[in-house]
Amino acid sequence: MIRLVVFDADGTLTEHSSIWWRLHQVFGTTEEGKRFYDMFFAGEISYDEWAELDAALWRGQPLEAVMQVVHDTRLVLGAQETVRALHRRGIKTAILSGGLDVLADDVARRLGVPYVVTNRLIHHNGILTGEVETRVGWNEKADIIKQIAADHDVTLAETAFVGDGRNDVGAMSVVGLAIAFRPEHEDVAKVAHVVVSDNDLRAILPYIISSDP
């Protein structure tokens, strides 16, 4: 029996890709962002360094521009109905995202998800400081989801994780039910117990609950 469902945010609960990449597009820093991306996957920098380099590119930019991106973010089809169906069954929900709090917190608010763990984009007086507090490293989701389960007084066997990205593989490898929702890479599909290609998030419900009251 699944008692807790933990969701990734970007690309899983939203129609849009990574908030990091979308901000690069908004602020005209895609070239530098791609260079840091390649450096990380080449093993030249750590994840913390990657996050810090990205955030530093946006120093002095207005928070208002970031919030416009957040405002324009569309939830994936069926997201609200899926969360409501889980809550009706008494199943707890949480978000574990390698994105940024400005988006993940807003998605959680819209969906009524009470628990969020993500990275924090630092700003002061409406201006980005060029800093980020990294709370979710690339290979840290497995450890973090253990804490999330403990905080909700459930076992990992009673926990499901729903995600789409390669940084979700760690969390998927330790839970009782791993669902790859529109996976972006074959590595994600391989580790998942279930692969859902449907664009409607409600397609995950039969794997979590036997019927929707």
Protein backbone atom coordinates (compact mmCIF):
# COMPACT_ATOMS: atom_id res chain seq x y z
CA MET A 1 0.00 0.00 0.00
CA ILE A 2 1.34 3.42 -1.00
CA ARG A 3 0.91 6.05 1.71
CA LEU A 4 3.13 8.83 0.32
CA VAL A 5 3.70 10.06 -3.24
CA VAL A 6 6.71 12.30 -3.86
CA PHE A 7 6.80 14.23 -7.13
CA ASP A 8 9.56 15.85 -9.10
CA ALA A 9 8.44 19.32 -10.24
CA ASP A 10 9.86 20.55 -13.56
CA GLY A 11 8.66 18.39 -16.44
CA THR A 12 6.61 16.17 -14.13
CA LEU A 13 4.07 18.48 -12.51
CA THR A 14 4.64 21.19 -15.12
CA GLU A 15 4.54 21.27 -18.89
CA HIS A 16 7.85 23.10 -18.94
CA SER A 17 11.47 22.04 -18.72
CA SER A 18 13.95 23.01 -16.01
CA ILE A 19 13.45 26.42 -14.42
CA TRP A 20 17.24 26.81 -14.55
CA TRP A 21 17.25 26.57 -18.33
CA ARG A 22 14.22 28.79 -18.73
CA LEU A 23 15.93 31.52 -16.72
CA HIS A 24 19.01 31.22 -18.93
CA GLN A 25 16.72 31.86 -21.88
CA VAL A 26 15.08 34.86 -20.21
CA PHE A 27 18.36 36.44 -19.15
CA GLY A 28 20.27 35.64 -22.35
CA THR A 29 22.79 33.34 -20.65
CA THR A 30 22.13 30.12 -22.56
CA GLU A 31 25.63 29.95 -24.05
CA GLU A 32 27.32 30.17 -20.65
CA GLY A 33 24.72 27.84 -19.16
CA LYS A 34 25.43 25.20 -21.79
CA ARG A 35 29.16 25.49 -21.08
CA PHE A 36 28.63 24.89 -17.34
CA TYR A 37 26.28 21.99 -18.17
CA ASP A 38 28.98 20.35 -20.28
CA MET A 39 31.60 20.97 -17.58
CA PHE A 40 29.48 19.22 -14.95
CA PHE A 41 28.80 16.15 -17.07
CA ALA A 42 32.47 16.01 -18.03
CA GLY A 43 33.30 15.81 -14.32
CA GLU A 44 35.14 19.13 -14.34
CA ILE A 45 32.98 20.81 -11.67
CA SER A 46 30.77 19.64 -8.81
CA TYR A 47 27.01 20.11 -8.76
CA ASP A 48 27.34 22.85 -6.14
CA GLU A 49 29.83 24.66 -8.36
CA TRP A 50 27.52 24.28 -11.35
CA ALA A 51 24.61 25.78 -9.41
CA GLU A 52 26.75 28.63 -8.12
CA LEU A 53 28.12 29.44 -11.59
CA ASP A 54 24.62 29.46 -13.07
CA ALA A 55 23.17 31.68 -10.34
CA ALA A 56 26.11 34.10 -10.57
CA LEU A 57 25.18 34.81 -14.19
CA TRP A 58 21.92 36.33 -12.98
CA ARG A 59 23.35 38.67 -10.36
CA GLY A 60 21.54 42.01 -10.43
CA GLN A 61 18.55 40.73 -12.42
CA PRO A 62 15.06 41.62 -11.17
CA LEU A 63 13.10 39.00 -9.24
CA GLU A 64 10.07 40.26 -11.15
CA ALA A 65 11.43 38.66 -14.34
CA VAL A 66 11.80 35.34 -12.53
CA MET A 67 8.28 35.51 -11.18
CA GLN A 68 6.93 36.17 -14.66
CA VAL A 69 8.44 32.84 -15.72
CA VAL A 70 6.81 31.23 -12.69
CA HIS A 71 3.47 32.87 -13.54
CA ASP A 72 3.68 31.59 -17.12
CA THR A 73 4.34 28.00 -16.02
CA ARG A 74 1.52 25.64 -16.90
CA LEU A 75 0.71 22.61 -14.80
CA VAL A 76 0.72 19.30 -16.61
CA LEU A 77 -2.70 18.01 -17.65
CA GLY A 78 -4.45 16.28 -14.76
CA ALA A 79 -2.06 17.49 -12.06
CA GLN A 80 -4.72 19.05 -9.86
CA GLU A 81 -7.08 16.11 -10.23
CA THR A 82 -4.30 13.65 -9.46
CA VAL A 83 -3.29 15.35 -6.23
CA ARG A 84 -6.92 15.68 -5.16
CA ALA A 85 -7.53 11.97 -5.82
CA LEU A 86 -4.51 11.03 -3.70
CA HIS A 87 -5.56 13.30 -0.87
CA ARG A 88 -9.10 11.90 -0.92
CA ARG A 89 -7.56 8.49 -0.32
CA GLY A 90 -5.54 9.81 2.59
CA ILE A 91 -2.29 9.49 0.63
CA LYS A 92 0.26 12.16 1.53
CA THR A 93 2.11 14.17 -1.12
CA ALA A 94 5.41 16.01 -1.33
CA ILE A 95 7.66 17.63 -3.93
CA LEU A 96 11.38 16.86 -4.25
CA SER A 97 12.90 19.03 -6.95
CA GLY A 98 16.35 19.88 -8.22
CA GLY A 99 14.84 23.11 -9.51
CA LEU A 100 14.31 26.34 -7.59
CA ASP A 101 12.00 27.36 -4.77
CA VAL A 102 10.45 30.22 -6.72
CA LEU A 103 8.79 27.65 -8.98
CA ALA A 104 8.47 24.54 -6.82
CA ASP A 105 6.80 26.47 -3.98
CA ASP A 106 4.35 28.05 -6.42
CA VAL A 107 3.48 24.67 -7.96
CA ALA A 108 2.96 23.25 -4.47
CA ARG A 109 0.66 26.14 -3.58
CA ARG A 110 -1.42 25.66 -6.71
CA LEU A 111 -1.77 21.92 -6.12
CA GLY A 112 -2.12 21.93 -2.36
CA VAL A 113 1.05 19.92 -1.78
CA PRO A 114 2.20 20.77 1.76
CA TYR A 115 5.84 19.63 1.72
CA VAL A 116 8.63 20.84 -0.62
CA VAL A 117 12.37 20.26 -0.74
CA THR A 118 14.25 22.17 -3.44
CA ASN A 119 17.05 24.66 -4.02
CA ARG A 120 16.72 28.27 -2.91
CA LEU A 121 17.39 31.17 -5.27
CA ILE A 122 18.68 34.06 -3.15
CA HIS A 123 17.31 37.57 -3.69
CA HIS A 124 17.26 40.81 -1.71
CA ASN A 125 14.97 43.80 -2.19
CA GLY A 126 13.63 42.35 -5.42
CA ILE A 127 17.05 41.74 -6.99
CA LEU A 128 18.88 38.44 -7.49
CA THR A 129 22.11 38.32 -5.50
CA GLY A 130 23.78 35.78 -7.78
CA GLU A 131 23.68 33.15 -5.04
CA VAL A 132 21.84 29.88 -4.55
CA GLU A 133 21.41 27.61 -1.54
CA THR A 134 21.79 24.08 -2.84
CA ARG A 135 19.52 21.75 -0.92
CA VAL A 136 19.04 19.08 -3.60
CA GLY A 137 22.26 17.97 -5.28
CA TRP A 138 22.35 15.87 -8.44
CA ASN A 139 22.96 12.56 -6.64
CA GLU A 140 21.22 13.39 -3.37
CA LYS A 141 17.57 12.57 -4.04
CA ALA A 142 17.93 9.03 -2.69
CA ASP A 143 19.07 10.29 0.70
CA ILE A 144 16.57 13.14 0.79
CA ILE A 145 13.58 10.96 0.00
CA LYS A 146 14.51 8.76 2.96
CA GLN A 147 14.18 11.82 5.19
CA ILE A 148 10.90 12.82 3.53
CA ALA A 149 9.47 9.37 4.23
CA ALA A 150 10.65 9.54 7.83
CA ASP A 151 9.10 12.99 8.25
CA HIS A 152 5.77 11.54 7.09
CA ASP A 153 6.11 8.42 9.28
CA VAL A 154 6.01 6.04 6.33
CA THR A 155 8.49 3.45 5.06
CA LEU A 156 10.23 3.65 1.71
CA ALA A 157 8.25 0.57 0.67
CA GLU A 158 5.09 2.64 1.22
CA THR A 159 6.49 5.55 -0.81
CA ALA A 160 6.11 6.24 -4.53
CA PHE A 161 8.26 8.63 -6.53
CA VAL A 162 7.14 10.18 -9.81
CA GLY A 163 9.76 11.82 -12.01
CA ASP A 164 11.13 12.25 -15.50
CA GLY A 165 14.80 13.25 -15.30
CA ARG A 166 18.16 11.56 -14.82
CA ASN A 167 18.57 13.22 -11.43
CA ASP A 168 15.44 11.31 -10.33
CA VAL A 169 17.08 7.90 -10.75
CA GLY A 170 18.47 7.86 -7.20
CA ALA A 171 15.09 8.40 -5.58
CA MET A 172 13.47 5.88 -7.90
CA SER A 173 15.98 3.22 -6.89
CA VAL A 174 15.01 3.23 -3.20
CA VAL A 175 11.20 3.56 -3.14
CA GLY A 176 8.52 0.91 -3.23
CA LEU A 177 7.02 2.27 -6.45
CA ALA A 178 8.99 4.26 -9.03
CA ILE A 179 6.98 5.84 -11.84
CA ALA A 180 8.71 7.41 -14.83
CA PHE A 181 6.25 9.96 -16.20
CA ARG A 182 7.16 10.95 -19.76
CA PRO A 183 10.83 10.08 -19.07
CA GLU A 184 13.35 12.31 -20.81
CA HIS A 185 16.07 9.64 -20.90
CA GLU A 186 16.20 5.86 -21.20
CA ASP A 187 18.11 5.64 -17.91
CA VAL A 188 14.99 6.90 -16.15
CA ALA A 189 12.73 4.35 -17.84
CA LYS A 190 15.11 1.51 -17.03
CA VAL A 191 15.10 2.07 -13.27
CA ALA A 192 11.34 2.70 -12.98
CA HIS A 193 8.82 0.05 -12.04
CA VAL A 194 6.27 1.73 -14.28
CA VAL A 195 6.68 3.94 -17.36
CA VAL A 196 3.78 6.26 -18.23
CA SER A 197 3.93 7.96 -21.63
CA ASP A 198 0.49 9.55 -21.40
CA ASN A 199 0.49 13.36 -21.21
CA ASP A 200 -2.20 13.26 -18.50
CA LEU A 201 -0.81 12.78 -14.99
CA ARG A 202 -3.99 10.96 -13.99
CA ALA A 203 -2.58 7.96 -15.87
CA ILE A 204 -0.39 7.23 -12.81
CA LEU A 205 -3.35 6.75 -10.47
CA PRO A 206 -4.21 3.11 -11.32
CA TYR A 207 -0.70 2.10 -10.23
CA ILE A 208 -1.09 3.85 -6.86
CA ILE A 209 -4.73 3.30 -5.96
CA SER A 210 -7.02 0.55 -7.16
CA SER A 211 -9.95 2.86 -7.88
CA ASP A 212 -10.86 6.51 -7.63
CA PRO A 213 -13.83 7.08 -5.28
